[in-house]
């Protein structure tokens, strides 16, 4: 196992073991913890998540994690948000009311149903091809190194990120006539709306890129 200290944040909401196994599969040990002291000692953080935005934020606040994650980000150390974890990076969410997020990326999280054609199923579940976003520019972020537009990733979500600065949307997928933000990259802050740990070899490549190139 490589020596980079990577912490998988445990706030009671997330598929921790499958994420841990994926990191181990690409040769990196990842420690699961909710201890703020250990979190601040990490080289890199991974913020997982499944479920509701407001429940996740309440859990993190109760564990005194939000201030530490924000401080970690200010130190320019890499953070990867996965699925709900990506959404938590934004300013707020309209899920079950209006809930303040971590505020690491400008924008809000909105119901996907408000953007889709009538009759399109919600939640959005399944494999989708990733498409590189023109707004990001001609250069892929390091997390997408070796990833092609034909590569498929596994999505499960009912809410999407409405990004204030579209230039940080590195990739998207098409669903129900809507561009779904799929990868954000803003300096040391990165997020995947899909589950890389459930996305086969392409997903493992994303994880390896985060470990080695971010």
N, C-alpha and C. Protein backbone atom coordinates (compact mmCIF):
# COMPACT_ATOMS: atom_id res chain seq x y z
N UNK A 1 0.83 -1.19 0.00
CA UNK A 1 0.00 0.00 0.00
C UNK A 1 0.88 1.26 0.00
N UNK A 2 0.43 2.32 -0.70
CA UNK A 2 1.18 3.57 -0.77
C UNK A 2 1.03 4.33 0.55
N UNK A 3 1.98 5.27 0.79
CA UNK A 3 2.07 5.91 2.09
C UNK A 3 1.24 7.19 2.23
N UNK A 4 0.64 7.68 1.14
CA UNK A 4 -0.18 8.89 1.22
C UNK A 4 -1.30 8.67 2.23
N UNK A 5 -1.47 9.63 3.16
CA UNK A 5 -2.49 9.49 4.20
C UNK A 5 -3.82 10.03 3.66
N UNK A 6 -4.74 9.11 3.37
CA UNK A 6 -6.04 9.46 2.83
C UNK A 6 -7.11 9.09 3.84
N UNK A 7 -7.97 10.02 4.14
CA UNK A 7 -9.05 9.81 5.11
C UNK A 7 -10.40 9.76 4.40
N UNK A 8 -11.18 8.74 4.70
CA UNK A 8 -12.56 8.62 4.26
C UNK A 8 -13.45 9.05 5.43
N UNK A 9 -14.14 10.15 5.26
CA UNK A 9 -14.90 10.75 6.36
C UNK A 9 -16.15 9.94 6.66
N UNK A 10 -16.27 9.54 7.91
CA UNK A 10 -17.42 8.76 8.37
C UNK A 10 -18.34 9.67 9.18
N UNK A 11 -19.46 10.05 8.59
CA UNK A 11 -20.44 10.84 9.33
C UNK A 11 -21.77 10.09 9.40
N UNK A 12 -21.69 8.78 9.20
CA UNK A 12 -22.86 7.93 9.37
C UNK A 12 -23.72 7.77 8.15
N UNK A 13 -23.36 8.41 7.04
CA UNK A 13 -24.16 8.33 5.82
C UNK A 13 -23.21 8.06 4.66
N UNK A 14 -23.19 6.85 4.15
CA UNK A 14 -22.31 6.58 3.02
C UNK A 14 -21.94 5.12 2.91
N UNK A 15 -21.56 4.75 1.71
CA UNK A 15 -21.17 3.37 1.43
C UNK A 15 -19.66 3.25 1.66
N UNK A 16 -19.26 3.29 2.91
CA UNK A 16 -17.84 3.41 3.27
C UNK A 16 -17.01 2.21 2.82
N UNK A 17 -17.50 1.01 3.05
CA UNK A 17 -16.69 -0.17 2.78
C UNK A 17 -16.40 -0.35 1.28
N UNK A 18 -17.38 -0.07 0.43
CA UNK A 18 -17.14 -0.21 -1.00
C UNK A 18 -16.15 0.84 -1.50
N UNK A 19 -16.20 2.04 -0.93
CA UNK A 19 -15.23 3.07 -1.29
C UNK A 19 -13.84 2.67 -0.80
N UNK A 20 -13.78 2.17 0.43
CA UNK A 20 -12.50 1.74 0.99
C UNK A 20 -11.88 0.64 0.12
N UNK A 21 -12.68 -0.33 -0.28
CA UNK A 21 -12.17 -1.44 -1.09
C UNK A 21 -11.66 -0.95 -2.45
N UNK A 22 -12.33 0.03 -3.02
CA UNK A 22 -11.91 0.56 -4.31
C UNK A 22 -10.54 1.22 -4.21
N UNK A 23 -10.31 1.98 -3.15
CA UNK A 23 -9.00 2.60 -2.94
C UNK A 23 -7.93 1.53 -2.75
N UNK A 24 -8.26 0.53 -1.98
CA UNK A 24 -7.29 -0.55 -1.74
C UNK A 24 -6.98 -1.30 -3.04
N UNK A 25 -7.98 -1.39 -3.92
CA UNK A 25 -7.81 -2.09 -5.18
C UNK A 25 -6.78 -1.41 -6.09
N UNK A 26 -6.66 -0.08 -5.95
CA UNK A 26 -5.68 0.65 -6.76
C UNK A 26 -4.38 0.89 -5.99
N UNK A 27 -4.27 0.24 -4.81
CA UNK A 27 -3.00 0.25 -4.09
C UNK A 27 -2.84 1.28 -3.00
N UNK A 28 -3.96 1.84 -2.52
CA UNK A 28 -3.87 2.88 -1.49
C UNK A 28 -4.70 2.50 -0.26
N UNK A 29 -4.08 2.64 0.88
CA UNK A 29 -4.78 2.46 2.15
C UNK A 29 -5.59 3.71 2.43
N UNK A 30 -6.81 3.55 2.86
CA UNK A 30 -7.64 4.69 3.21
C UNK A 30 -8.25 4.43 4.58
N UNK A 31 -8.14 5.40 5.47
CA UNK A 31 -8.60 5.23 6.85
C UNK A 31 -9.98 5.86 7.02
N UNK A 32 -10.88 5.11 7.63
CA UNK A 32 -12.23 5.60 7.89
C UNK A 32 -12.28 6.20 9.30
N UNK A 33 -12.72 7.46 9.40
CA UNK A 33 -12.78 8.09 10.71
C UNK A 33 -13.71 9.30 10.70
N UNK A 34 -14.19 9.66 11.87
CA UNK A 34 -14.93 10.90 12.07
C UNK A 34 -14.18 11.81 13.04
N UNK A 35 -12.94 11.46 13.37
CA UNK A 35 -12.14 12.21 14.32
C UNK A 35 -11.54 13.45 13.65
N UNK A 36 -11.94 14.66 14.07
CA UNK A 36 -11.43 15.88 13.43
C UNK A 36 -9.91 16.00 13.48
N UNK A 37 -9.29 15.51 14.54
CA UNK A 37 -7.83 15.59 14.65
C UNK A 37 -7.16 14.77 13.57
N UNK A 38 -7.64 13.54 13.37
CA UNK A 38 -7.09 12.68 12.32
C UNK A 38 -7.37 13.25 10.94
N UNK A 39 -8.54 13.83 10.77
CA UNK A 39 -8.91 14.44 9.49
C UNK A 39 -7.93 15.54 9.12
N UNK A 40 -7.57 16.37 10.08
CA UNK A 40 -6.66 17.48 9.80
C UNK A 40 -5.22 17.02 9.57
N UNK A 41 -4.92 15.79 9.91
CA UNK A 41 -3.59 15.24 9.68
C UNK A 41 -3.46 14.56 8.32
N UNK A 42 -4.55 14.47 7.59
CA UNK A 42 -4.56 13.76 6.32
C UNK A 42 -3.88 14.56 5.21
N UNK A 43 -3.43 13.84 4.19
CA UNK A 43 -2.94 14.47 2.97
C UNK A 43 -4.11 14.76 2.03
N UNK A 44 -5.11 13.86 2.05
CA UNK A 44 -6.27 14.00 1.17
C UNK A 44 -7.51 13.51 1.89
N UNK A 45 -8.66 14.10 1.55
CA UNK A 45 -9.94 13.70 2.14
C UNK A 45 -10.89 13.20 1.08
N UNK A 46 -11.70 12.21 1.46
CA UNK A 46 -12.79 11.73 0.61
C UNK A 46 -14.08 11.87 1.39
N UNK A 47 -15.05 12.56 0.79
CA UNK A 47 -16.35 12.79 1.42
C UNK A 47 -17.39 11.98 0.64
N UNK A 48 -17.82 10.83 1.17
CA UNK A 48 -18.81 10.00 0.49
C UNK A 48 -20.22 10.48 0.83
N UNK A 49 -21.21 9.71 0.42
CA UNK A 49 -22.57 10.06 0.84
C UNK A 49 -23.65 9.44 -0.01
N UNK A 50 -24.68 8.94 0.66
CA UNK A 50 -25.92 8.53 0.01
C UNK A 50 -27.05 9.02 0.91
N UNK A 51 -28.17 9.39 0.30
CA UNK A 51 -29.29 9.83 1.12
C UNK A 51 -29.54 11.32 1.01
N UNK A 52 -30.07 11.91 2.08
CA UNK A 52 -30.57 13.29 2.06
C UNK A 52 -29.51 14.30 2.49
N UNK A 53 -29.48 15.42 1.79
CA UNK A 53 -28.52 16.50 2.04
C UNK A 53 -28.65 17.04 3.47
N UNK A 54 -29.88 17.35 3.89
CA UNK A 54 -30.05 17.97 5.22
C UNK A 54 -29.65 17.02 6.34
N UNK A 55 -29.93 15.75 6.18
CA UNK A 55 -29.53 14.77 7.18
C UNK A 55 -28.01 14.67 7.27
N UNK A 56 -27.37 14.72 6.11
CA UNK A 56 -25.91 14.64 6.07
C UNK A 56 -25.27 15.84 6.74
N UNK A 57 -25.78 17.03 6.46
CA UNK A 57 -25.21 18.24 7.07
C UNK A 57 -25.42 18.26 8.59
N UNK A 58 -26.59 17.81 9.03
CA UNK A 58 -26.84 17.74 10.48
C UNK A 58 -25.86 16.79 11.14
N UNK A 59 -25.61 15.65 10.48
CA UNK A 59 -24.68 14.67 11.03
C UNK A 59 -23.27 15.25 11.13
N UNK A 60 -22.83 15.94 10.10
CA UNK A 60 -21.49 16.52 10.12
C UNK A 60 -21.36 17.63 11.16
N UNK A 61 -22.40 18.43 11.29
CA UNK A 61 -22.38 19.48 12.31
C UNK A 61 -22.32 18.89 13.71
N UNK A 62 -23.07 17.83 13.93
CA UNK A 62 -23.08 17.20 15.26
C UNK A 62 -21.74 16.59 15.62
N UNK A 63 -20.97 16.22 14.60
CA UNK A 63 -19.65 15.61 14.83
C UNK A 63 -18.52 16.65 14.75
N UNK A 64 -18.90 17.91 14.61
CA UNK A 64 -17.91 19.00 14.54
C UNK A 64 -16.97 18.83 13.34
N UNK A 65 -17.53 18.41 12.21
CA UNK A 65 -16.71 18.14 11.04
C UNK A 65 -16.69 19.29 10.03
N UNK A 66 -17.75 20.09 9.96
CA UNK A 66 -17.85 21.07 8.89
C UNK A 66 -16.72 22.09 8.92
N UNK A 67 -16.44 22.65 10.09
CA UNK A 67 -15.36 23.64 10.20
C UNK A 67 -14.01 23.05 9.82
N UNK A 68 -13.80 21.80 10.20
CA UNK A 68 -12.52 21.16 9.91
C UNK A 68 -12.36 20.87 8.42
N UNK A 69 -13.44 20.45 7.77
CA UNK A 69 -13.39 20.21 6.32
C UNK A 69 -13.12 21.52 5.59
N UNK A 70 -13.78 22.59 6.02
CA UNK A 70 -13.57 23.90 5.40
C UNK A 70 -12.14 24.38 5.62
N UNK A 71 -11.61 24.15 6.79
CA UNK A 71 -10.23 24.54 7.09
C UNK A 71 -9.25 23.71 6.26
N UNK A 72 -9.53 22.43 6.12
CA UNK A 72 -8.71 21.54 5.30
C UNK A 72 -8.65 22.06 3.86
N UNK A 73 -9.80 22.49 3.35
CA UNK A 73 -9.87 23.01 1.98
C UNK A 73 -9.04 24.27 1.83
N UNK A 74 -9.05 25.14 2.84
CA UNK A 74 -8.28 26.38 2.80
C UNK A 74 -6.78 26.11 2.75
N UNK A 75 -6.38 24.96 3.25
CA UNK A 75 -4.97 24.57 3.25
C UNK A 75 -4.53 24.00 1.91
N UNK A 76 -5.44 24.03 0.93
CA UNK A 76 -5.18 23.60 -0.45
C UNK A 76 -4.86 22.11 -0.57
N UNK A 77 -5.34 21.32 0.36
CA UNK A 77 -5.19 19.87 0.26
C UNK A 77 -6.39 19.30 -0.51
N UNK A 78 -6.17 18.23 -1.28
CA UNK A 78 -7.23 17.70 -2.13
C UNK A 78 -8.40 17.08 -1.36
N UNK A 79 -9.61 17.39 -1.85
CA UNK A 79 -10.85 16.82 -1.31
C UNK A 79 -11.65 16.27 -2.48
N UNK A 80 -12.14 15.04 -2.34
CA UNK A 80 -12.99 14.42 -3.36
C UNK A 80 -14.36 14.13 -2.75
N UNK A 81 -15.41 14.71 -3.33
CA UNK A 81 -16.78 14.40 -2.92
C UNK A 81 -17.40 13.41 -3.89
N UNK A 82 -18.06 12.40 -3.35
CA UNK A 82 -18.68 11.35 -4.18
C UNK A 82 -20.19 11.37 -3.99
N UNK A 83 -20.93 11.51 -5.10
CA UNK A 83 -22.40 11.51 -5.12
C UNK A 83 -22.95 12.59 -4.19
N UNK A 84 -23.64 12.23 -3.13
CA UNK A 84 -24.10 13.23 -2.17
C UNK A 84 -22.91 14.03 -1.64
N UNK A 85 -21.77 13.38 -1.49
CA UNK A 85 -20.57 14.07 -1.03
C UNK A 85 -20.18 15.21 -1.95
N UNK A 86 -20.37 15.06 -3.26
CA UNK A 86 -20.13 16.16 -4.19
C UNK A 86 -21.13 17.29 -3.94
N UNK A 87 -22.39 16.94 -3.76
CA UNK A 87 -23.41 17.97 -3.55
C UNK A 87 -23.16 18.77 -2.27
N UNK A 88 -22.63 18.11 -1.26
CA UNK A 88 -22.36 18.78 0.01
C UNK A 88 -21.29 19.85 -0.11
N UNK A 89 -20.49 19.80 -1.18
CA UNK A 89 -19.45 20.80 -1.39
C UNK A 89 -20.02 22.16 -1.75
N UNK A 90 -21.29 22.20 -2.18
CA UNK A 90 -21.90 23.44 -2.66
C UNK A 90 -22.48 24.28 -1.52
N UNK A 91 -22.95 25.47 -1.89
CA UNK A 91 -23.43 26.42 -0.88
C UNK A 91 -24.68 25.95 -0.15
N UNK A 92 -25.61 25.34 -0.89
CA UNK A 92 -26.88 24.96 -0.27
C UNK A 92 -27.62 23.95 -1.12
N UNK A 93 -28.70 23.41 -0.55
CA UNK A 93 -29.56 22.47 -1.26
C UNK A 93 -31.01 22.76 -0.94
N UNK A 94 -31.88 22.55 -1.92
CA UNK A 94 -33.33 22.72 -1.72
C UNK A 94 -34.00 21.42 -1.30
N UNK A 95 -33.21 20.37 -1.08
CA UNK A 95 -33.79 19.09 -0.67
C UNK A 95 -34.37 19.19 0.73
N UNK A 96 -35.67 18.90 0.86
CA UNK A 96 -36.37 18.97 2.16
C UNK A 96 -36.21 20.33 2.82
N UNK A 97 -36.44 21.37 2.03
CA UNK A 97 -36.25 22.72 2.54
C UNK A 97 -34.95 23.29 2.01
N UNK A 98 -34.45 24.33 2.63
CA UNK A 98 -33.19 24.94 2.21
C UNK A 98 -32.14 24.69 3.29
N UNK A 99 -31.08 24.00 2.92
CA UNK A 99 -30.04 23.62 3.89
C UNK A 99 -28.70 24.15 3.42
N UNK A 100 -27.96 24.76 4.31
CA UNK A 100 -26.63 25.27 4.00
C UNK A 100 -25.65 24.13 3.86
N UNK A 101 -24.80 24.20 2.81
CA UNK A 101 -23.77 23.20 2.59
C UNK A 101 -22.41 23.66 3.09
N UNK A 102 -21.36 23.02 2.61
CA UNK A 102 -20.01 23.36 3.04
C UNK A 102 -19.49 24.65 2.41
N UNK A 103 -20.07 25.07 1.30
CA UNK A 103 -19.69 26.33 0.70
C UNK A 103 -18.31 26.35 0.07
N UNK A 104 -17.84 25.20 -0.38
CA UNK A 104 -16.52 25.13 -1.02
C UNK A 104 -16.60 25.40 -2.52
N UNK A 105 -17.80 25.25 -3.08
CA UNK A 105 -18.06 25.56 -4.48
C UNK A 105 -19.34 26.39 -4.55
N UNK A 106 -19.32 27.46 -5.34
CA UNK A 106 -20.49 28.33 -5.45
C UNK A 106 -21.58 27.68 -6.29
N UNK A 107 -22.77 27.63 -5.73
CA UNK A 107 -23.90 27.04 -6.42
C UNK A 107 -24.84 26.36 -5.45
N UNK A 108 -25.95 25.84 -5.98
CA UNK A 108 -26.93 25.18 -5.13
C UNK A 108 -27.34 23.84 -5.73
N UNK A 109 -27.93 23.00 -4.91
CA UNK A 109 -28.38 21.67 -5.34
C UNK A 109 -29.90 21.71 -5.47
N UNK A 110 -30.39 21.29 -6.64
CA UNK A 110 -31.80 21.43 -6.98
C UNK A 110 -32.39 20.09 -7.41
N UNK A 111 -33.72 19.94 -7.35
CA UNK A 111 -34.35 18.68 -7.78
C UNK A 111 -34.16 18.44 -9.27
N UNK A 112 -33.71 17.25 -9.62
CA UNK A 112 -33.48 16.92 -11.02
C UNK A 112 -34.80 16.93 -11.81
N UNK A 113 -35.91 16.64 -11.15
CA UNK A 113 -37.20 16.55 -11.84
C UNK A 113 -37.62 17.88 -12.45
N UNK A 114 -37.12 18.98 -11.90
CA UNK A 114 -37.48 20.30 -12.42
C UNK A 114 -36.85 20.58 -13.78
N UNK A 115 -35.87 19.77 -14.17
CA UNK A 115 -35.14 20.01 -15.40
C UNK A 115 -35.44 19.00 -16.51
N UNK A 116 -36.11 17.91 -16.16
CA UNK A 116 -36.28 16.82 -17.12
C UNK A 116 -37.59 16.92 -17.89
N UNK A 117 -37.61 16.30 -19.06
CA UNK A 117 -38.85 16.19 -19.83
C UNK A 117 -39.86 15.36 -19.05
N UNK A 118 -41.12 15.59 -19.32
CA UNK A 118 -42.19 14.84 -18.64
C UNK A 118 -42.07 13.35 -18.95
N UNK A 119 -42.22 12.53 -17.92
CA UNK A 119 -42.17 11.09 -18.10
C UNK A 119 -40.81 10.47 -17.86
N UNK A 120 -39.78 11.29 -17.67
CA UNK A 120 -38.44 10.77 -17.40
C UNK A 120 -38.36 10.33 -15.93
N UNK A 121 -37.81 9.16 -15.72
CA UNK A 121 -37.79 8.58 -14.38
C UNK A 121 -36.84 9.32 -13.44
N UNK A 122 -37.30 9.48 -12.20
CA UNK A 122 -36.49 10.01 -11.11
C UNK A 122 -36.65 9.04 -9.94
N UNK A 123 -35.57 8.65 -9.28
CA UNK A 123 -34.21 9.13 -9.46
C UNK A 123 -33.55 8.66 -10.76
N UNK A 124 -32.50 9.35 -11.11
CA UNK A 124 -31.65 8.98 -12.23
C UNK A 124 -30.76 7.83 -11.78
N UNK A 125 -31.01 6.65 -12.30
CA UNK A 125 -30.25 5.46 -11.90
C UNK A 125 -29.75 4.76 -13.15
N UNK A 126 -28.47 4.47 -13.18
CA UNK A 126 -27.94 3.67 -14.27
C UNK A 126 -26.61 4.16 -14.80
N UNK A 127 -26.16 3.47 -15.84
CA UNK A 127 -24.88 3.76 -16.46
C UNK A 127 -25.04 4.83 -17.52
N UNK A 128 -24.13 5.82 -17.51
CA UNK A 128 -24.17 6.90 -18.49
C UNK A 128 -22.76 7.19 -19.01
N UNK A 129 -22.71 7.54 -20.27
CA UNK A 129 -21.44 7.96 -20.85
C UNK A 129 -21.08 9.35 -20.33
N UNK A 130 -19.81 9.52 -20.01
CA UNK A 130 -19.31 10.81 -19.59
C UNK A 130 -18.95 11.64 -20.82
N UNK A 131 -19.27 12.92 -20.78
CA UNK A 131 -18.92 13.83 -21.86
C UNK A 131 -18.11 14.99 -21.28
N UNK A 132 -16.98 15.30 -21.89
CA UNK A 132 -16.16 16.39 -21.40
C UNK A 132 -16.86 17.73 -21.70
N UNK A 133 -16.89 18.61 -20.74
CA UNK A 133 -17.61 19.88 -20.89
C UNK A 133 -16.73 20.93 -21.56
N UNK A 134 -17.25 21.56 -22.59
CA UNK A 134 -16.51 22.60 -23.31
C UNK A 134 -16.20 23.79 -22.42
N UNK A 135 -17.09 24.04 -21.45
CA UNK A 135 -16.91 25.21 -20.58
C UNK A 135 -15.61 25.12 -19.77
N UNK A 136 -15.18 23.89 -19.49
CA UNK A 136 -13.98 23.71 -18.66
C UNK A 136 -12.72 24.12 -19.40
N UNK A 137 -12.75 24.03 -20.72
CA UNK A 137 -11.57 24.35 -21.51
C UNK A 137 -11.01 23.10 -22.18
N UNK A 138 -9.87 23.27 -22.81
CA UNK A 138 -9.29 22.21 -23.62
C UNK A 138 -8.51 21.18 -22.81
N UNK A 139 -8.19 21.48 -21.57
CA UNK A 139 -7.38 20.57 -20.77
C UNK A 139 -8.24 19.86 -19.72
N UNK A 140 -8.11 18.55 -19.67
CA UNK A 140 -8.81 17.78 -18.65
C UNK A 140 -8.19 18.04 -17.28
N UNK A 141 -9.00 18.03 -16.22
CA UNK A 141 -8.40 18.07 -14.89
C UNK A 141 -7.70 16.74 -14.61
N UNK A 142 -6.79 16.75 -13.66
CA UNK A 142 -6.01 15.54 -13.39
C UNK A 142 -6.87 14.34 -13.03
N UNK A 143 -8.01 14.58 -12.41
CA UNK A 143 -8.86 13.47 -11.99
C UNK A 143 -9.44 12.71 -13.19
N UNK A 144 -9.48 13.36 -14.35
CA UNK A 144 -10.03 12.73 -15.55
C UNK A 144 -8.93 12.24 -16.51
N UNK A 145 -7.71 12.22 -16.04
CA UNK A 145 -6.61 11.75 -16.88
C UNK A 145 -6.86 10.30 -17.33
N UNK A 146 -6.79 10.06 -18.61
CA UNK A 146 -7.02 8.72 -19.15
C UNK A 146 -8.47 8.34 -19.31
N UNK A 147 -9.40 9.24 -18.98
CA UNK A 147 -10.83 8.98 -19.12
C UNK A 147 -11.32 9.52 -20.46
N UNK A 148 -12.11 8.74 -21.18
CA UNK A 148 -12.63 9.13 -22.48
C UNK A 148 -14.13 9.37 -22.43
N UNK A 149 -14.62 10.12 -23.41
CA UNK A 149 -16.06 10.43 -23.45
C UNK A 149 -16.93 9.19 -23.60
N UNK A 150 -16.36 8.10 -24.10
CA UNK A 150 -17.14 6.87 -24.27
C UNK A 150 -17.21 6.02 -23.00
N UNK A 151 -16.48 6.42 -21.97
CA UNK A 151 -16.46 5.64 -20.72
C UNK A 151 -17.75 5.84 -19.94
N UNK A 152 -18.25 4.75 -19.37
CA UNK A 152 -19.53 4.77 -18.64
C UNK A 152 -19.30 4.75 -17.14
N UNK A 153 -20.20 5.45 -16.42
CA UNK A 153 -20.13 5.53 -14.96
C UNK A 153 -21.53 5.35 -14.38
N UNK A 154 -21.57 4.90 -13.13
CA UNK A 154 -22.85 4.53 -12.51
C UNK A 154 -23.39 5.68 -11.64
N UNK A 155 -24.59 6.13 -11.98
CA UNK A 155 -25.26 7.25 -11.30
C UNK A 155 -26.46 6.76 -10.49
N UNK A 156 -26.67 7.37 -9.33
CA UNK A 156 -27.90 7.18 -8.54
C UNK A 156 -28.16 8.49 -7.80
N UNK A 157 -29.12 9.29 -8.29
CA UNK A 157 -29.38 10.57 -7.60
C UNK A 157 -30.70 11.17 -8.08
N UNK A 158 -31.27 12.01 -7.20
CA UNK A 158 -32.51 12.71 -7.51
C UNK A 158 -32.32 14.23 -7.55
N UNK A 159 -31.14 14.70 -7.18
CA UNK A 159 -30.82 16.12 -7.16
C UNK A 159 -29.54 16.36 -7.95
N UNK A 160 -29.41 17.57 -8.50
CA UNK A 160 -28.22 17.91 -9.27
C UNK A 160 -27.65 19.25 -8.82
N UNK A 161 -26.40 19.45 -9.13
CA UNK A 161 -25.73 20.70 -8.78
C UNK A 161 -25.99 21.76 -9.85
N UNK A 162 -26.47 22.91 -9.43
CA UNK A 162 -26.59 24.08 -10.31
C UNK A 162 -25.36 24.94 -10.02
N UNK A 163 -24.35 24.82 -10.90
CA UNK A 163 -23.03 25.41 -10.64
C UNK A 163 -23.01 26.87 -11.08
N UNK A 164 -22.58 27.73 -10.20
CA UNK A 164 -22.54 29.16 -10.51
C UNK A 164 -21.50 29.47 -11.58
N UNK A 165 -20.31 28.91 -11.44
CA UNK A 165 -19.23 29.10 -12.41
C UNK A 165 -19.10 27.84 -13.27
N UNK A 166 -19.68 27.89 -14.46
CA UNK A 166 -19.72 26.70 -15.31
C UNK A 166 -18.33 26.23 -15.75
N UNK A 167 -17.33 27.07 -15.60
CA UNK A 167 -15.99 26.69 -16.04
C UNK A 167 -15.37 25.61 -15.16
N UNK A 168 -15.98 25.33 -14.00
CA UNK A 168 -15.44 24.26 -13.15
C UNK A 168 -16.16 22.93 -13.39
N UNK A 169 -17.16 22.93 -14.28
CA UNK A 169 -17.82 21.67 -14.66
C UNK A 169 -16.94 20.98 -15.69
N UNK A 170 -16.21 19.97 -15.25
CA UNK A 170 -15.25 19.30 -16.12
C UNK A 170 -15.90 18.29 -17.05
N UNK A 171 -17.00 17.68 -16.59
CA UNK A 171 -17.68 16.66 -17.40
C UNK A 171 -19.15 16.60 -17.01
N UNK A 172 -19.95 16.09 -17.94
CA UNK A 172 -21.39 15.94 -17.69
C UNK A 172 -21.87 14.68 -18.38
N UNK A 173 -23.11 14.32 -18.09
CA UNK A 173 -23.77 13.25 -18.85
C UNK A 173 -25.12 13.79 -19.30
N UNK A 174 -25.70 13.13 -20.29
CA UNK A 174 -26.99 13.55 -20.82
C UNK A 174 -28.08 12.63 -20.27
N UNK A 175 -29.14 13.24 -19.71
CA UNK A 175 -30.25 12.44 -19.20
C UNK A 175 -31.53 13.25 -19.30
N UNK A 176 -32.52 12.70 -19.99
CA UNK A 176 -33.81 13.36 -20.09
C UNK A 176 -33.76 14.73 -20.70
N UNK A 177 -32.85 14.93 -21.64
CA UNK A 177 -32.74 16.22 -22.30
C UNK A 177 -31.99 17.26 -21.50
N UNK A 178 -31.33 16.84 -20.43
CA UNK A 178 -30.61 17.77 -19.55
C UNK A 178 -29.16 17.36 -19.42
N UNK A 179 -28.28 18.34 -19.40
CA UNK A 179 -26.87 18.11 -19.07
C UNK A 179 -26.75 17.98 -17.56
N UNK A 180 -26.37 16.82 -17.09
CA UNK A 180 -26.21 16.59 -15.66
C UNK A 180 -24.74 16.80 -15.29
N UNK A 181 -24.42 17.78 -14.44
CA UNK A 181 -23.03 17.94 -14.02
C UNK A 181 -22.52 16.65 -13.37
N UNK A 182 -21.44 16.12 -13.90
CA UNK A 182 -20.95 14.81 -13.45
C UNK A 182 -19.61 14.90 -12.73
N UNK A 183 -18.75 15.82 -13.14
CA UNK A 183 -17.46 16.02 -12.49
C UNK A 183 -17.21 17.51 -12.34
N UNK A 184 -16.87 17.94 -11.14
CA UNK A 184 -16.45 19.32 -10.91
C UNK A 184 -15.00 19.30 -10.45
N UNK A 185 -14.26 20.32 -10.86
CA UNK A 185 -12.86 20.42 -10.46
C UNK A 185 -12.52 21.90 -10.28
N UNK A 186 -12.29 22.27 -9.04
CA UNK A 186 -12.04 23.68 -8.69
C UNK A 186 -10.81 23.72 -7.78
N UNK A 187 -9.63 23.77 -8.41
CA UNK A 187 -8.40 23.73 -7.62
C UNK A 187 -8.27 22.40 -6.91
N UNK A 188 -8.17 22.45 -5.60
CA UNK A 188 -8.02 21.23 -4.80
C UNK A 188 -9.35 20.57 -4.47
N UNK A 189 -10.46 21.15 -4.90
CA UNK A 189 -11.80 20.62 -4.61
C UNK A 189 -12.34 19.90 -5.85
N UNK A 190 -12.65 18.62 -5.69
CA UNK A 190 -13.15 17.81 -6.80
C UNK A 190 -14.40 17.04 -6.38
N UNK A 191 -15.24 16.75 -7.34
CA UNK A 191 -16.44 15.98 -7.02
C UNK A 191 -16.93 15.17 -8.19
N UNK A 192 -17.51 14.01 -7.89
CA UNK A 192 -18.12 13.13 -8.90
C UNK A 192 -19.56 12.88 -8.49
N UNK A 193 -20.51 13.19 -9.38
CA UNK A 193 -21.91 12.89 -9.08
C UNK A 193 -22.17 11.40 -9.13
N UNK A 194 -21.41 10.69 -9.94
CA UNK A 194 -21.55 9.24 -10.04
C UNK A 194 -20.75 8.56 -8.93
N UNK A 195 -20.84 7.24 -8.88
CA UNK A 195 -20.09 6.45 -7.89
C UNK A 195 -18.89 5.81 -8.57
N UNK A 196 -17.70 6.35 -8.44
CA UNK A 196 -16.53 5.72 -9.08
C UNK A 196 -16.25 4.33 -8.53
N UNK A 197 -16.57 4.12 -7.26
CA UNK A 197 -16.30 2.82 -6.64
C UNK A 197 -17.22 1.72 -7.17
N UNK A 198 -18.27 2.11 -7.92
CA UNK A 198 -19.20 1.15 -8.50
C UNK A 198 -19.15 1.17 -10.03
N UNK A 199 -18.13 1.83 -10.57
CA UNK A 199 -18.08 2.07 -12.01
C UNK A 199 -16.96 1.33 -12.73
N UNK A 200 -16.61 0.16 -12.21
CA UNK A 200 -15.66 -0.71 -12.90
C UNK A 200 -14.28 -0.10 -13.06
N UNK A 201 -13.61 -0.46 -14.16
CA UNK A 201 -12.22 -0.02 -14.39
C UNK A 201 -12.12 1.49 -14.55
N UNK A 202 -13.10 2.10 -15.19
CA UNK A 202 -13.07 3.55 -15.38
C UNK A 202 -13.18 4.28 -14.04
N UNK A 203 -14.04 3.76 -13.16
CA UNK A 203 -14.18 4.35 -11.84
C UNK A 203 -12.92 4.23 -11.02
N UNK A 204 -12.27 3.07 -11.12
CA UNK A 204 -11.01 2.86 -10.41
C UNK A 204 -9.93 3.81 -10.93
N UNK A 205 -9.97 4.12 -12.23
CA UNK A 205 -9.03 5.08 -12.79
C UNK A 205 -9.22 6.46 -12.17
N UNK A 206 -10.47 6.86 -11.98
CA UNK A 206 -10.77 8.14 -11.32
C UNK A 206 -10.15 8.16 -9.92
N UNK A 207 -10.35 7.08 -9.18
CA UNK A 207 -9.84 6.99 -7.82
C UNK A 207 -8.31 7.02 -7.81
N UNK A 208 -7.70 6.29 -8.73
CA UNK A 208 -6.24 6.28 -8.80
C UNK A 208 -5.71 7.66 -9.17
N UNK A 209 -6.40 8.34 -10.07
CA UNK A 209 -5.99 9.71 -10.43
C UNK A 209 -6.03 10.63 -9.22
N UNK A 210 -7.09 10.51 -8.41
CA UNK A 210 -7.17 11.34 -7.22
C UNK A 210 -6.01 11.06 -6.28
N UNK A 211 -5.67 9.81 -6.14
CA UNK A 211 -4.57 9.43 -5.24
C UNK A 211 -3.21 9.91 -5.75
N UNK A 212 -3.01 9.85 -7.04
CA UNK A 212 -1.67 10.05 -7.59
C UNK A 212 -1.44 11.39 -8.27
N UNK A 213 -2.50 12.02 -8.79
CA UNK A 213 -2.31 13.20 -9.61
C UNK A 213 -2.85 14.48 -9.00
N UNK A 214 -3.70 14.38 -8.00
CA UNK A 214 -4.32 15.59 -7.44
C UNK A 214 -3.42 16.25 -6.41
